[in-house]
C-alpha atoms as a PDB file:
ATOM      1  CA  UNK A   1      -0.011  -0.031  -0.210  1.00  0.00           C
ATOM      2  CA  UNK A   2       1.387   3.076  -1.392  1.00  0.00           C
ATOM      3  CA  UNK A   3       1.892   5.802   1.897  1.00  0.00           C
ATOM      4  CA  UNK A   4       2.084   9.654   1.470  1.00  0.00           C
ATOM      5  CA  UNK A   5       3.319  11.763   3.970  1.00  0.00           C
ATOM      6  CA  UNK A   6       2.602  15.636   3.705  1.00  0.00           C
ATOM      7  CA  UNK A   7       4.989  18.221   5.657  1.00  0.00           C
ATOM      8  CA  UNK A   8       5.684  21.962   5.476  1.00  0.00           C
ATOM      9  CA  UNK A   9       3.093  23.341   7.045  1.00  0.00           C
ATOM     10  CA  UNK A  10       2.672  25.981   9.548  1.00  0.00           C
ATOM     11  CA  UNK A  11       1.822  29.249  10.505  1.00  0.00           C
ATOM     12  CA  UNK A  12       2.612  32.168   7.998  1.00  0.00           C
ATOM     13  CA  UNK A  13       1.598  36.033   7.710  1.00  0.00           C
ATOM     14  CA  UNK A  14      -0.833  36.848   4.703  1.00  0.00           C
ATOM     15  CA  UNK A  15       1.754  37.553   1.831  1.00  0.00           C
ATOM     16  CA  UNK A  16       4.181  35.321   3.389  1.00  0.00           C
ATOM     17  CA  UNK A  17       5.124  31.837   1.514  1.00  0.00           C
ATOM     18  CA  UNK A  18       5.325  27.869   2.329  1.00  0.00           C
ATOM     19  CA  UNK A  19       6.689  25.141   0.439  1.00  0.00           C
ATOM     20  CA  UNK A  20       4.823  21.592   1.100  1.00  0.00           C
ATOM     21  CA  UNK A  21       6.367  18.505   0.312  1.00  0.00           C
ATOM     22  CA  UNK A  22       4.702  14.975  -0.520  1.00  0.00           C
ATOM     23  CA  UNK A  23       7.007  11.852  -0.068  1.00  0.00           C
ATOM     24  CA  UNK A  24       6.544   8.216  -0.087  1.00  0.00           C
ATOM     25  CA  UNK A  25       8.262   5.403   1.632  1.00  0.00           C
ATOM     26  CA  UNK A  26       8.919   1.923  -0.045  1.00  0.00           C
ATOM     27  CA  UNK A  27       7.228   3.041  -3.111  1.00  0.00           C
ATOM     28  CA  UNK A  28       8.446   5.286  -5.901  1.00  0.00           C
ATOM     29  CA  UNK A  29       6.553   7.897  -6.958  1.00  0.00           C
ATOM     30  CA  UNK A  30       7.971   8.384 -10.224  1.00  0.00           C
ATOM     31  CA  UNK A  31       5.100   6.582 -12.042  1.00  0.00           C
ATOM     32  CA  UNK A  32       2.152   8.523 -10.249  1.00  0.00           C
ATOM     33  CA  UNK A  33       0.246  11.385 -11.107  1.00  0.00           C
ATOM     34  CA  UNK A  34       0.138  13.680  -8.026  1.00  0.00           C
ATOM     35  CA  UNK A  35      -2.451  16.179  -6.587  1.00  0.00           C
ATOM     36  CA  UNK A  36      -2.835  18.676  -3.788  1.00  0.00           C
ATOM     37  CA  UNK A  37      -6.145  19.327  -2.182  1.00  0.00           C
ATOM     38  CA  UNK A  38      -7.147  21.092   0.628  1.00  0.00           C
ATOM     39  CA  UNK A  39      -9.866  21.345   3.041  1.00  0.00           C
ATOM     40  CA  UNK A  40     -10.694  24.408   5.103  1.00  0.00           C
ATOM     41  CA  UNK A  41     -12.961  24.013   8.305  1.00  0.00           C
ATOM     42  CA  UNK A  42     -16.324  23.717   7.262  1.00  0.00           C
ATOM     43  CA  UNK A  43     -15.843  23.134   3.866  1.00  0.00           C
ATOM     44  CA  UNK A  44     -15.375  20.355   1.289  1.00  0.00           C
ATOM     45  CA  UNK A  45     -11.939  19.096   0.268  1.00  0.00           C
ATOM     46  CA  UNK A  46     -11.083  20.744  -3.372  1.00  0.00           C
ATOM     47  CA  UNK A  47      -8.356  20.295  -5.837  1.00  0.00           C
ATOM     48  CA  UNK A  48      -5.705  22.853  -5.809  1.00  0.00           C
ATOM     49  CA  UNK A  49      -2.947  21.376  -8.328  1.00  0.00           C
ATOM     50  CA  UNK A  50      -1.794  18.403  -9.961  1.00  0.00           C
ATOM     51  CA  UNK A  51       0.983  17.022 -11.952  1.00  0.00           C
ATOM     52  CA  UNK A  52       1.506  14.278 -14.165  1.00  0.00           C
ATOM     53  CA  UNK A  53       3.876  10.942 -13.551  1.00  0.00           C
ATOM     54  CA  UNK A  54       6.120  12.773 -16.154  1.00  0.00           C
ATOM     55  CA  UNK A  55       6.166  16.017 -14.891  1.00  0.00           C
ATOM     56  CA  UNK A  56       4.985  17.221 -18.517  1.00  0.00           C
ATOM     57  CA  UNK A  57       1.446  18.144 -17.151  1.00  0.00           C
ATOM     58  CA  UNK A  58       0.302  20.541 -14.532  1.00  0.00           C
ATOM     59  CA  UNK A  59      -3.094  22.019 -13.821  1.00  0.00           C
ATOM     60  CA  UNK A  60      -3.909  24.705 -11.152  1.00  0.00           C
ATOM     61  CA  UNK A  61      -7.467  25.949  -9.395  1.00  0.00           C
ATOM     62  CA  UNK A  62      -8.243  29.324 -10.469  1.00  0.00           C
ATOM     63  CA  UNK A  63      -7.714  30.737  -7.045  1.00  0.00           C
ATOM     64  CA  UNK A  64      -4.190  29.719  -6.704  1.00  0.00           C
ATOM     65  CA  UNK A  65      -3.326  30.183 -10.404  1.00  0.00           C
ATOM     66  CA  UNK A  66       0.130  32.429 -10.557  1.00  0.00           C
ATOM     67  CA  UNK A  67       0.645  32.329  -6.764  1.00  0.00           C
ATOM     68  CA  UNK A  68       1.356  28.043  -6.170  1.00  0.00           C
ATOM     69  CA  UNK A  69       3.754  26.070  -8.432  1.00  0.00           C
ATOM     70  CA  UNK A  70       3.833  22.517  -8.184  1.00  0.00           C
ATOM     71  CA  UNK A  71       6.839  20.555  -9.116  1.00  0.00           C
ATOM     72  CA  UNK A  72       8.415  17.103  -8.658  1.00  0.00           C
ATOM     73  CA  UNK A  73      12.203  15.526  -7.487  1.00  0.00           C
ATOM     74  CA  UNK A  74      12.027  11.847  -8.928  1.00  0.00           C
ATOM     75  CA  UNK A  75      15.714  11.450  -7.122  1.00  0.00           C
ATOM     76  CA  UNK A  76      14.235  12.542  -3.867  1.00  0.00           C
ATOM     77  CA  UNK A  77      10.919  11.024  -4.384  1.00  0.00           C
ATOM     78  CA  UNK A  78       8.838  13.837  -3.707  1.00  0.00           C
ATOM     79  CA  UNK A  79       6.503  16.347  -4.814  1.00  0.00           C
ATOM     80  CA  UNK A  80       6.577  20.199  -3.797  1.00  0.00           C
ATOM     81  CA  UNK A  81       3.747  22.588  -3.512  1.00  0.00           C
ATOM     82  CA  UNK A  82       5.456  26.340  -3.578  1.00  0.00           C
ATOM     83  CA  UNK A  83       3.032  28.495  -2.118  1.00  0.00           C
ATOM     84  CA  UNK A  84       3.705  32.352  -2.441  1.00  0.00           C
ATOM     85  CA  UNK A  85       1.542  35.389  -1.701  1.00  0.00           C
ATOM     86  CA  UNK A  86      -0.469  33.452   0.798  1.00  0.00           C
ATOM     87  CA  UNK A  87      -3.968  34.524   1.764  1.00  0.00           C
ATOM     88  CA  UNK A  88      -6.127  34.046   4.967  1.00  0.00           C
ATOM     89  CA  UNK A  89      -8.399  32.130   2.437  1.00  0.00           C
ATOM     90  CA  UNK A  90      -5.377  29.646   1.856  1.00  0.00           C
ATOM     91  CA  UNK A  91      -5.651  28.391   5.320  1.00  0.00           C
ATOM     92  CA  UNK A  92      -6.691  24.845   5.688  1.00  0.00           C
ATOM     93  CA  UNK A  93      -5.553  21.473   5.789  1.00  0.00           C
ATOM     94  CA  UNK A  94      -3.492  20.271   2.602  1.00  0.00           C
ATOM     95  CA  UNK A  95      -3.458  16.820   1.486  1.00  0.00           C
ATOM     96  CA  UNK A  96      -1.347  14.884  -1.027  1.00  0.00           C
ATOM     97  CA  UNK A  97      -2.886  12.356  -3.518  1.00  0.00           C
ATOM     98  CA  UNK A  98      -1.693   9.514  -5.666  1.00  0.00           C
ATOM     99  CA  UNK A  99      -2.790   7.489  -8.521  1.00  0.00           C
ATOM    100  CA  UNK A 100      -0.979   5.437 -11.642  1.00  0.00           C
ATOM    101  CA  UNK A 101      -3.968   4.157 -13.112  1.00  0.00           C
ATOM    102  CA  UNK A 102      -4.093   6.529 -15.981  1.00  0.00           C
ATOM    103  CA  UNK A 103      -3.303   5.624 -19.544  1.00  0.00           C
ATOM    104  CA  UNK A 104      -1.165   8.472 -19.978  1.00  0.00           C
ATOM    105  CA  UNK A 105       1.988   9.663 -18.210  1.00  0.00           C
ATOM    106  CA  UNK A 106       0.944  13.209 -19.247  1.00  0.00           C
ATOM    107  CA  UNK A 107      -2.365  12.980 -17.660  1.00  0.00           C
ATOM    108  CA  UNK A 108      -3.284  14.466 -14.067  1.00  0.00           C
ATOM    109  CA  UNK A 109      -6.455  15.495 -12.418  1.00  0.00           C
ATOM    110  CA  UNK A 110      -8.122  17.995  -9.339  1.00  0.00           C
ATOM    111  CA  UNK A 111     -10.820  15.384  -8.672  1.00  0.00           C
ATOM    112  CA  UNK A 112     -10.989  13.778  -5.326  1.00  0.00           C
ATOM    113  CA  UNK A 113     -12.445  10.693  -6.738  1.00  0.00           C
ATOM    114  CA  UNK A 114      -9.565  10.102  -9.391  1.00  0.00           C
ATOM    115  CA  UNK A 115      -6.845   9.062  -6.457  1.00  0.00           C
ATOM    116  CA  UNK A 116      -6.740   5.890  -4.415  1.00  0.00           C
ATOM    117  CA  UNK A 117      -3.691   6.762  -1.951  1.00  0.00           C
ATOM    118  CA  UNK A 118      -3.788   9.726   0.521  1.00  0.00           C
ATOM    119  CA  UNK A 119      -1.527  11.342   2.954  1.00  0.00           C
ATOM    120  CA  UNK A 120      -2.869  12.474   6.088  1.00  0.00           C
ATOM    121  CA  UNK A 121      -2.390  16.123   5.759  1.00  0.00           C
ATOM    122  CA  UNK A 122      -0.467  18.968   6.720  1.00  0.00           C
ATOM    123  CA  UNK A 123      -2.180  22.258   8.183  1.00  0.00           C
ATOM    124  CA  UNK A 124      -1.274  25.524   6.745  1.00  0.00           C
ATOM    125  CA  UNK A 125      -2.380  28.746   8.438  1.00  0.00           C
ATOM    126  CA  UNK A 126      -2.246  32.126   7.205  1.00  0.00           C
ATOM    127  CA  UNK A 127      -2.693  34.746   9.689  1.00  0.00           C
ATOM    128  CA  UNK A 128      -1.601  37.933  11.036  1.00  0.00           C
END
């Protein structure tokens, strides 16, 4: 069973930056598409960004375009979410998810139902 671990969350002031990491143990992430999701209190979990297994395709929610950047380092078996210009509305628990059942290494999705493996989440709080 693929196990994912998120890290890098914390408390940051508005306008600040954080870099989240999604790592796996015992399995290589190289052939998995990865999605980042978030869930704020009282709200549904929503897709933030994704990256295909090849790294050749990425996608972002409109709310984070131009501020967040997803990337992957296969040598470190880790996927990152660089978050800049953070806003209070970015406050949420952030989750990474993985799946390798797609027919193309250029495909990724920000739809929850398309991922089988999930991490436990890391809290991001944007507040002054």
